[in-house]
């Protein structure tokens, strides 16, 4: 049986963001990895529908 999951490269974030992530995950009684997966999925769903030009996080 093969797994449908894989790992991603590490992402560096500021300490304050990591602490927020941990607090939020705990408040939802979810692991941090679950919150990260959901955030990535929501981001991609929102941004794949439009063009790269519409991405507010992208520096031109």
N, C-alpha and C. Protein backbone atom coordinates (compact mmCIF):
# COMPACT_ATOMS: atom_id res chain seq x y z
N UNK A 1 0.85 -1.17 0.00
CA UNK A 1 0.00 0.00 0.00
C UNK A 1 0.90 1.24 0.00
N UNK A 2 0.64 2.16 -0.92
CA UNK A 2 1.42 3.38 -0.98
C UNK A 2 0.65 4.52 -0.35
N UNK A 3 1.38 5.43 0.24
CA UNK A 3 0.76 6.58 0.88
C UNK A 3 0.53 7.69 -0.14
N UNK A 4 -0.55 8.40 0.02
CA UNK A 4 -0.88 9.53 -0.84
C UNK A 4 -0.32 10.83 -0.27
N UNK A 5 0.48 10.75 0.77
CA UNK A 5 1.04 11.94 1.41
C UNK A 5 2.53 12.01 1.19
N UNK A 6 3.05 13.22 1.25
CA UNK A 6 4.48 13.45 1.12
C UNK A 6 4.86 14.62 2.01
N UNK A 7 6.11 14.92 2.09
CA UNK A 7 6.55 16.07 2.88
C UNK A 7 7.00 17.19 1.95
N UNK A 8 6.97 18.39 2.48
CA UNK A 8 7.42 19.58 1.76
C UNK A 8 8.74 20.05 2.37
N UNK A 9 9.47 20.88 1.64
CA UNK A 9 10.68 21.46 2.23
C UNK A 9 10.30 22.33 3.44
N UNK A 10 11.22 22.50 4.37
CA UNK A 10 10.92 23.34 5.54
C UNK A 10 10.66 24.79 5.11
N UNK A 11 9.80 25.44 5.86
CA UNK A 11 9.52 26.87 5.62
C UNK A 11 9.95 27.64 6.86
N UNK A 12 10.72 28.67 6.65
CA UNK A 12 11.15 29.51 7.76
C UNK A 12 10.15 30.63 7.97
N UNK A 13 9.75 30.83 9.22
CA UNK A 13 8.82 31.90 9.57
C UNK A 13 9.33 32.60 10.83
N UNK A 14 8.84 33.82 11.03
CA UNK A 14 9.21 34.54 12.24
C UNK A 14 8.65 33.82 13.46
N UNK A 15 9.31 34.01 14.58
CA UNK A 15 8.90 33.37 15.83
C UNK A 15 7.46 33.73 16.17
N UNK A 16 7.09 34.99 15.99
CA UNK A 16 5.73 35.42 16.33
C UNK A 16 4.68 34.68 15.50
N UNK A 17 4.96 34.46 14.22
CA UNK A 17 4.02 33.73 13.36
C UNK A 17 3.92 32.27 13.80
N UNK A 18 5.04 31.67 14.14
CA UNK A 18 5.03 30.29 14.62
C UNK A 18 4.21 30.17 15.90
N UNK A 19 4.38 31.12 16.80
CA UNK A 19 3.64 31.09 18.06
C UNK A 19 2.14 31.25 17.81
N UNK A 20 1.76 32.13 16.87
CA UNK A 20 0.35 32.29 16.50
C UNK A 20 -0.21 31.00 15.94
N UNK A 21 0.56 30.35 15.09
CA UNK A 21 0.15 29.09 14.48
C UNK A 21 -0.09 28.03 15.55
N UNK A 22 0.83 27.92 16.48
CA UNK A 22 0.70 26.94 17.56
C UNK A 22 -0.54 27.23 18.40
N UNK A 23 -0.73 28.51 18.77
CA UNK A 23 -1.90 28.88 19.58
C UNK A 23 -3.20 28.57 18.85
N UNK A 24 -3.24 28.90 17.55
CA UNK A 24 -4.46 28.64 16.79
C UNK A 24 -4.74 27.14 16.71
N UNK A 25 -3.73 26.36 16.40
CA UNK A 25 -3.89 24.90 16.31
C UNK A 25 -4.41 24.33 17.63
N UNK A 26 -3.84 24.80 18.73
CA UNK A 26 -4.29 24.33 20.04
C UNK A 26 -5.74 24.72 20.30
N UNK A 27 -6.12 25.94 19.90
CA UNK A 27 -7.50 26.40 20.13
C UNK A 27 -8.51 25.59 19.32
N UNK A 28 -8.07 25.02 18.20
CA UNK A 28 -8.93 24.21 17.35
C UNK A 28 -8.80 22.72 17.64
N UNK A 29 -7.94 22.40 18.61
CA UNK A 29 -7.66 21.00 18.97
C UNK A 29 -7.23 20.20 17.74
N UNK A 30 -6.32 20.81 16.97
CA UNK A 30 -5.77 20.20 15.75
C UNK A 30 -4.25 20.27 15.81
N UNK A 31 -3.58 19.36 15.12
CA UNK A 31 -2.12 19.48 15.03
C UNK A 31 -1.74 20.64 14.10
N UNK A 32 -0.57 21.20 14.33
CA UNK A 32 -0.08 22.31 13.51
C UNK A 32 -0.04 21.89 12.04
N UNK A 33 0.36 20.66 11.75
CA UNK A 33 0.44 20.21 10.36
C UNK A 33 -0.92 20.28 9.67
N UNK A 34 -1.99 20.00 10.38
CA UNK A 34 -3.33 20.08 9.81
C UNK A 34 -3.66 21.53 9.42
N UNK A 35 -3.35 22.46 10.33
CA UNK A 35 -3.61 23.88 10.06
C UNK A 35 -2.81 24.34 8.84
N UNK A 36 -1.56 23.93 8.75
CA UNK A 36 -0.72 24.31 7.62
C UNK A 36 -1.29 23.75 6.32
N UNK A 37 -1.69 22.48 6.32
CA UNK A 37 -2.27 21.89 5.11
C UNK A 37 -3.52 22.63 4.68
N UNK A 38 -4.39 22.96 5.63
CA UNK A 38 -5.62 23.69 5.31
C UNK A 38 -5.30 25.08 4.76
N UNK A 39 -4.33 25.75 5.35
CA UNK A 39 -3.95 27.09 4.88
C UNK A 39 -3.42 27.04 3.46
N UNK A 40 -2.59 26.06 3.16
CA UNK A 40 -2.04 25.91 1.81
C UNK A 40 -3.17 25.62 0.82
N UNK A 41 -4.07 24.72 1.19
CA UNK A 41 -5.18 24.36 0.32
C UNK A 41 -6.06 25.58 0.03
N UNK A 42 -6.41 26.34 1.07
CA UNK A 42 -7.23 27.53 0.87
C UNK A 42 -6.52 28.57 0.01
N UNK A 43 -5.24 28.77 0.24
CA UNK A 43 -4.47 29.73 -0.55
C UNK A 43 -4.46 29.32 -2.03
N UNK A 44 -4.16 28.07 -2.30
CA UNK A 44 -4.12 27.61 -3.69
C UNK A 44 -5.50 27.68 -4.35
N UNK A 45 -6.54 27.29 -3.64
CA UNK A 45 -7.89 27.37 -4.20
C UNK A 45 -8.23 28.81 -4.58
N UNK A 46 -7.85 29.74 -3.74
CA UNK A 46 -8.16 31.14 -3.98
C UNK A 46 -7.33 31.72 -5.13
N UNK A 47 -6.06 31.35 -5.20
CA UNK A 47 -5.15 31.97 -6.15
C UNK A 47 -5.05 31.25 -7.49
N UNK A 48 -5.38 29.99 -7.53
CA UNK A 48 -5.34 29.27 -8.81
C UNK A 48 -6.46 29.73 -9.74
N UNK A 49 -7.54 30.23 -9.16
CA UNK A 49 -8.67 30.68 -9.97
C UNK A 49 -8.34 31.94 -10.76
N UNK A 50 -7.46 32.79 -10.23
CA UNK A 50 -7.08 34.02 -10.89
C UNK A 50 -5.70 33.89 -11.50
N UNK A 51 -5.24 34.96 -12.04
CA UNK A 51 -3.90 34.94 -12.63
C UNK A 51 -2.87 35.33 -11.59
N UNK A 52 -1.60 35.11 -11.92
CA UNK A 52 -0.51 35.48 -11.03
C UNK A 52 -0.51 36.98 -10.77
N UNK A 53 -0.91 37.76 -11.74
CA UNK A 53 -0.92 39.22 -11.60
C UNK A 53 -1.84 39.63 -10.46
N UNK A 54 -2.91 38.89 -10.22
CA UNK A 54 -3.87 39.24 -9.17
C UNK A 54 -3.40 38.84 -7.77
N UNK A 55 -2.33 38.09 -7.66
CA UNK A 55 -1.83 37.63 -6.37
C UNK A 55 -1.25 38.82 -5.60
N UNK A 56 -1.88 39.24 -4.50
CA UNK A 56 -1.39 40.41 -3.77
C UNK A 56 -0.05 40.19 -3.06
N UNK A 57 0.34 38.93 -2.88
CA UNK A 57 1.61 38.64 -2.20
C UNK A 57 2.79 38.61 -3.16
N UNK A 58 2.52 38.63 -4.43
CA UNK A 58 3.59 38.53 -5.42
C UNK A 58 4.17 39.91 -5.72
N UNK A 59 5.48 40.01 -5.61
CA UNK A 59 6.17 41.27 -5.92
C UNK A 59 6.47 41.32 -7.40
N UNK A 60 6.12 42.41 -8.00
CA UNK A 60 6.33 42.56 -9.44
C UNK A 60 7.66 43.23 -9.71
